[in-house]
Amino acid sequence: MAAQKHNAPVPEGPQRRCLLTGLRTGPDRLLRFAIDAAGAVVPDPAHDRPGRGLWLAPTPVAVDTARAKGMFA
C-alpha cells in the first residue's frame, strides 16, 4: 500500500516554535524574548537583539505560564 501524500501548504519563509505550546509558525506570529545588556530577559518585538532568543505565543497566559515554569531562567 502506497503512503498517502498530504496536500497541506508548505509555509514560506523562516519558521519559529513556541517553547511552551510547540506551535510552529512565522516569527511575525510569535513574541521573541532575548537577553539585554544587563543580563535580563526582555521582550524583543523587533527581533534585533543578538542570540537565538526564546519564542512564545503572544498572549499574557503564555508569558505567565512560561514564567511559572522557569523558562526565563
C-alpha atoms as a PDB file:
ATOM      1  CA  MET A   1       0.000   0.000   0.000  1.00  0.00           C
ATOM      2  CA  ALA A   2       1.465   3.373  -1.004  1.00  0.00           C
ATOM      3  CA  ALA A   3       1.880   6.133   1.550  1.00  0.00           C
ATOM      4  CA  GLN A   4      -0.688   8.899   1.352  1.00  0.00           C
ATOM      5  CA  LYS A   5       0.514  12.315   0.291  1.00  0.00           C
ATOM      6  CA  HIS A   6      -0.776  15.278   2.217  1.00  0.00           C
ATOM      7  CA  ASN A   7      -1.539  18.374   0.215  1.00  0.00           C
ATOM      8  CA  ALA A   8      -1.050  20.775   3.105  1.00  0.00           C
ATOM      9  CA  PRO A   9       0.589  24.017   2.006  1.00  0.00           C
ATOM     10  CA  VAL A  10       4.237  24.366   2.937  1.00  0.00           C
ATOM     11  CA  PRO A  11       4.758  27.628   4.810  1.00  0.00           C
ATOM     12  CA  GLU A  12       7.157  30.028   3.149  1.00  0.00           C
ATOM     13  CA  GLY A  13       9.933  31.818   4.968  1.00  0.00           C
ATOM     14  CA  PRO A  14      11.502  31.144   8.341  1.00  0.00           C
ATOM     15  CA  GLN A  15       9.584  29.220  10.972  1.00  0.00           C
ATOM     16  CA  ARG A  16       9.885  29.503  14.746  1.00  0.00           C
ATOM     17  CA  ARG A  17       8.498  27.274  17.519  1.00  0.00           C
ATOM     18  CA  CYS A  18       6.708  28.448  20.650  1.00  0.00           C
ATOM     19  CA  LEU A  19       8.710  26.995  23.533  1.00  0.00           C
ATOM     20  CA  LEU A  20       5.537  26.484  25.559  1.00  0.00           C
ATOM     21  CA  THR A  21       2.979  25.147  23.066  1.00  0.00           C
ATOM     22  CA  GLY A  22       5.219  23.751  20.317  1.00  0.00           C
ATOM     23  CA  LEU A  23       3.297  25.767  17.697  1.00  0.00           C
ATOM     24  CA  ARG A  24       5.427  26.262  14.554  1.00  0.00           C
ATOM     25  CA  THR A  25       4.720  29.455  12.679  1.00  0.00           C
ATOM     26  CA  GLY A  26       6.340  32.543  11.232  1.00  0.00           C
ATOM     27  CA  PRO A  27       8.251  34.881  13.544  1.00  0.00           C
ATOM     28  CA  ASP A  28       5.660  37.612  12.960  1.00  0.00           C
ATOM     29  CA  ARG A  29       3.091  35.480  14.856  1.00  0.00           C
ATOM     30  CA  LEU A  30       5.240  34.828  17.971  1.00  0.00           C
ATOM     31  CA  LEU A  31       6.829  37.010  20.641  1.00  0.00           C
ATOM     32  CA  ARG A  32      10.615  36.790  20.961  1.00  0.00           C
ATOM     33  CA  PHE A  33      12.478  37.266  24.230  1.00  0.00           C
ATOM     34  CA  ALA A  34      16.210  37.880  24.461  1.00  0.00           C
ATOM     35  CA  ILE A  35      18.865  38.949  26.959  1.00  0.00           C
ATOM     36  CA  ASP A  36      19.524  42.678  27.307  1.00  0.00           C
ATOM     37  CA  ALA A  37      22.860  44.334  28.148  1.00  0.00           C
ATOM     38  CA  ALA A  38      22.186  43.972  31.897  1.00  0.00           C
ATOM     39  CA  GLY A  39      21.513  40.242  31.561  1.00  0.00           C
ATOM     40  CA  ALA A  40      17.740  40.444  31.998  1.00  0.00           C
ATOM     41  CA  VAL A  41      15.278  38.588  29.771  1.00  0.00           C
ATOM     42  CA  VAL A  42      13.228  41.182  27.880  1.00  0.00           C
ATOM     43  CA  PRO A  43      10.713  41.153  25.011  1.00  0.00           C
ATOM     44  CA  ASP A  44      12.342  41.703  21.610  1.00  0.00           C
ATOM     45  CA  PRO A  45       9.487  42.730  19.296  1.00  0.00           C
ATOM     46  CA  ALA A  46      11.905  44.000  16.620  1.00  0.00           C
ATOM     47  CA  HIS A  47      13.792  40.652  16.612  1.00  0.00           C
ATOM     48  CA  ASP A  48      17.078  42.539  16.542  1.00  0.00           C
ATOM     49  CA  ARG A  49      18.811  41.520  19.782  1.00  0.00           C
ATOM     50  CA  PRO A  50      21.711  39.085  19.410  1.00  0.00           C
ATOM     51  CA  GLY A  51      21.349  35.385  20.145  1.00  0.00           C
ATOM     52  CA  ARG A  52      18.757  32.749  19.427  1.00  0.00           C
ATOM     53  CA  GLY A  53      16.167  34.090  21.795  1.00  0.00           C
ATOM     54  CA  LEU A  54      13.100  32.363  23.182  1.00  0.00           C
ATOM     55  CA  TRP A  55       9.849  32.352  21.212  1.00  0.00           C
ATOM     56  CA  LEU A  56       6.363  32.284  22.779  1.00  0.00           C
ATOM     57  CA  ALA A  57       2.765  32.685  21.695  1.00  0.00           C
ATOM     58  CA  PRO A  58       1.992  36.404  22.174  1.00  0.00           C
ATOM     59  CA  THR A  59      -0.553  36.037  24.981  1.00  0.00           C
ATOM     60  CA  PRO A  60      -0.380  37.009  28.648  1.00  0.00           C
ATOM     61  CA  VAL A  61      -1.295  33.429  29.610  1.00  0.00           C
ATOM     62  CA  ALA A  62       1.675  32.020  27.634  1.00  0.00           C
ATOM     63  CA  VAL A  63       4.091  34.506  29.207  1.00  0.00           C
ATOM     64  CA  ASP A  64       2.755  33.875  32.739  1.00  0.00           C
ATOM     65  CA  THR A  65       2.898  30.092  32.258  1.00  0.00           C
ATOM     66  CA  ALA A  66       6.440  30.260  30.879  1.00  0.00           C
ATOM     67  CA  ARG A  67       7.483  32.409  33.859  1.00  0.00           C
ATOM     68  CA  ALA A  68       5.848  29.974  36.317  1.00  0.00           C
ATOM     69  CA  LYS A  69       7.662  27.034  34.669  1.00  0.00           C
ATOM     70  CA  GLY A  70      11.024  28.807  34.928  1.00  0.00           C
ATOM     71  CA  MET A  71      11.517  29.095  31.165  1.00  0.00           C
ATOM     72  CA  PHE A  72      13.101  32.540  31.560  1.00  0.00           C
ATOM     73  CA  ALA A  73      15.768  31.332  33.995  1.00  0.00           C
END
